[in-house]
């Protein structure tokens, strides 16, 4: 490996001997960084590597700050939840959706209460209808084991 293709600022791109490339880097007080080792001849760039790493970390940090995490809040009902409990849980669900969280509402069937599947489904659909202006149903009620689950996503965009 006697020669490298050199690119970078303040330099004429071309093929140079390694000694010349290192001399150019030293004169400009920058680093000689190998970009493409598999090319023939290998490609090197004159750059301040410390500054490059700093900018890369800064960019990654900004991207991480811009990304949002989905928060899932759960609300549990029984198949024969009475009106007061329903209203109380609906109020909490409304608060979660207004905060921008995703809502997982489920009816838990204990023992023989599984025979009230229709009541559980009616309860979840009623909740979806009551919260219609604040969230949209992502998945309709589905029975998974002893739970009937429904997801509602917030319509409000999180910041």
Protein backbone atom coordinates (compact mmCIF):
# COMPACT_ATOMS: atom_id res chain seq x y z
CA UNK A 1 0.00 0.00 0.00
CA UNK A 2 2.28 2.75 -1.27
CA UNK A 3 -0.38 5.14 -2.60
CA UNK A 4 -3.75 6.51 -1.49
CA UNK A 5 -6.46 8.55 -3.19
CA UNK A 6 -6.66 11.78 -1.19
CA UNK A 7 -9.74 14.01 -0.80
CA UNK A 8 -10.53 16.87 1.54
CA UNK A 9 -10.59 20.63 1.85
CA UNK A 10 -7.63 22.77 0.66
CA UNK A 11 -6.18 19.88 -1.37
CA UNK A 12 -6.30 18.86 -5.00
CA UNK A 13 -8.05 15.44 -5.12
CA UNK A 14 -5.79 12.78 -6.58
CA UNK A 15 -3.51 9.81 -5.96
CA UNK A 16 -0.56 10.55 -3.63
CA UNK A 17 2.14 8.58 -1.85
CA UNK A 18 1.36 7.91 1.84
CA UNK A 19 4.33 10.02 2.97
CA UNK A 20 3.02 13.01 0.96
CA UNK A 21 -0.52 12.52 2.32
CA UNK A 22 0.78 12.46 5.92
CA UNK A 23 2.86 15.60 5.22
CA UNK A 24 -0.23 17.43 3.87
CA UNK A 25 -2.18 16.44 6.98
CA UNK A 26 0.61 17.67 9.25
CA UNK A 27 0.89 20.99 7.37
CA UNK A 28 -2.84 21.63 7.68
CA UNK A 29 -2.90 20.37 11.31
CA UNK A 30 -5.64 17.79 10.58
CA UNK A 31 -5.88 14.01 10.59
CA UNK A 32 -5.51 11.58 7.69
CA UNK A 33 -8.58 9.34 7.91
CA UNK A 34 -9.06 6.21 5.80
CA UNK A 35 -12.58 6.27 4.35
CA UNK A 36 -12.70 3.37 1.92
CA UNK A 37 -10.04 0.73 2.62
CA UNK A 38 -11.32 -1.73 -0.02
CA UNK A 39 -10.95 0.67 -2.97
CA UNK A 40 -7.88 0.52 -5.21
CA UNK A 41 -6.05 2.66 -4.17
CA UNK A 42 -7.60 3.20 -0.68
CA UNK A 43 -9.42 6.51 -0.21
CA UNK A 44 -8.28 8.84 2.60
CA UNK A 45 -9.62 12.20 3.69
CA UNK A 46 -7.96 15.14 5.41
CA UNK A 47 -10.22 16.15 8.30
CA UNK A 48 -10.26 17.06 11.99
CA UNK A 49 -11.41 13.68 13.32
CA UNK A 50 -12.15 14.91 16.87
CA UNK A 51 -14.43 17.62 15.50
CA UNK A 52 -16.10 15.05 13.22
CA UNK A 53 -16.85 12.74 16.17
CA UNK A 54 -18.17 15.66 18.23
CA UNK A 55 -20.56 16.73 15.43
CA UNK A 56 -21.72 13.14 14.93
CA UNK A 57 -22.54 12.75 18.64
CA UNK A 58 -24.32 16.10 18.60
CA UNK A 59 -26.45 15.03 15.60
CA UNK A 60 -27.36 11.72 17.28
CA UNK A 61 -28.34 13.55 20.46
CA UNK A 62 -30.62 15.91 18.49
CA UNK A 63 -32.28 12.98 16.70
CA UNK A 64 -32.83 11.20 20.01
CA UNK A 65 -34.39 14.34 21.50
CA UNK A 66 -36.77 14.68 18.54
CA UNK A 67 -37.97 11.07 18.73
CA UNK A 68 -40.94 10.46 20.98
CA UNK A 69 -41.70 7.41 23.04
CA UNK A 70 -45.16 5.88 23.01
CA UNK A 71 -46.62 5.63 26.49
CA UNK A 72 -49.29 2.97 26.98
CA UNK A 73 -51.73 3.42 29.85
CA UNK A 74 -54.04 0.59 30.90
CA UNK A 75 -57.61 0.64 32.15
CA UNK A 76 -59.19 -2.55 33.49
CA UNK A 77 -62.88 -3.33 33.62
CA UNK A 78 -64.88 -6.29 34.85
CA UNK A 79 -67.65 -7.65 32.62
CA UNK A 80 -70.31 -6.22 34.95
CA UNK A 81 -68.73 -2.86 35.82
CA UNK A 82 -71.38 -0.53 37.24
CA UNK A 83 -72.10 3.00 35.97
CA UNK A 84 -70.14 4.98 38.58
CA UNK A 85 -66.97 2.90 38.11
CA UNK A 86 -67.34 3.16 34.34
CA UNK A 87 -67.60 6.97 34.48
CA UNK A 88 -64.60 7.18 36.82
CA UNK A 89 -62.44 5.01 34.53
CA UNK A 90 -63.68 6.89 31.45
CA UNK A 91 -62.53 10.15 33.07
CA UNK A 92 -59.05 8.66 33.64
CA UNK A 93 -58.96 7.34 30.06
CA UNK A 94 -59.83 10.81 28.79
CA UNK A 95 -56.99 12.30 30.83
CA UNK A 96 -54.52 9.74 29.41
CA UNK A 97 -55.58 10.45 25.82
CA UNK A 98 -55.31 14.21 26.35
CA UNK A 99 -51.74 13.70 27.61
CA UNK A 100 -50.99 12.00 24.28
CA UNK A 101 -50.67 8.46 25.62
CA UNK A 102 -52.03 5.32 24.00
CA UNK A 103 -54.82 3.58 25.89
CA UNK A 104 -55.14 -0.17 26.43
CA UNK A 105 -58.62 -0.88 27.74
CA UNK A 106 -59.43 -4.43 28.71
CA UNK A 107 -62.14 -6.46 30.36
CA UNK A 108 -60.82 -9.20 32.63
CA UNK A 109 -62.99 -12.29 32.96
CA UNK A 110 -62.60 -14.27 36.22
CA UNK A 111 -63.74 -17.86 36.52
CA UNK A 112 -67.11 -18.44 34.89
CA UNK A 113 -67.65 -14.77 34.00
CA UNK A 114 -66.28 -15.64 30.53
CA UNK A 115 -69.91 -16.37 29.58
CA UNK A 116 -70.46 -12.57 29.59
CA UNK A 117 -68.19 -11.97 26.57
CA UNK A 118 -70.90 -9.89 24.86
CA UNK A 119 -71.20 -7.58 27.89
CA UNK A 120 -67.43 -7.04 27.85
CA UNK A 121 -67.47 -6.22 24.16
CA UNK A 122 -70.39 -3.82 24.59
CA UNK A 123 -68.55 -2.11 27.45
CA UNK A 124 -65.38 -1.58 25.37
CA UNK A 125 -67.31 -0.37 22.32
CA UNK A 126 -69.22 2.07 24.53
CA UNK A 127 -65.89 3.40 25.86
CA UNK A 128 -64.61 3.80 22.30
CA UNK A 129 -67.75 5.70 21.34
CA UNK A 130 -67.55 7.97 24.42
CA UNK A 131 -63.88 8.81 23.70
CA UNK A 132 -64.37 9.12 19.93
CA UNK A 133 -63.45 12.82 19.71
CA UNK A 134 -60.22 12.38 21.72
CA UNK A 135 -58.88 9.12 20.32
CA UNK A 136 -59.33 6.64 17.51
CA UNK A 137 -59.66 2.88 17.89
CA UNK A 138 -56.51 1.11 16.71
CA UNK A 139 -57.83 -2.40 17.22
CA UNK A 140 -61.35 -3.56 17.92
CA UNK A 141 -62.04 -5.67 21.03
CA UNK A 142 -60.27 -9.05 20.75
CA UNK A 143 -60.51 -11.91 23.24
CA UNK A 144 -57.06 -13.16 24.29
CA UNK A 145 -57.35 -15.83 26.95
CA UNK A 146 -59.31 -14.32 29.83
CA UNK A 147 -58.92 -10.75 28.60
CA UNK A 148 -60.80 -8.80 25.95
CA UNK A 149 -58.41 -6.06 24.79
CA UNK A 150 -58.90 -2.88 22.77
CA UNK A 151 -56.34 -0.18 21.91
CA UNK A 152 -57.20 3.50 21.47
CA UNK A 153 -54.60 5.98 20.14
CA UNK A 154 -54.69 9.65 21.02
CA UNK A 155 -55.73 12.08 18.27
CA UNK A 156 -53.64 14.81 19.90
CA UNK A 157 -50.11 15.09 18.51
CA UNK A 158 -47.46 14.82 21.22
CA UNK A 159 -44.74 17.47 21.32
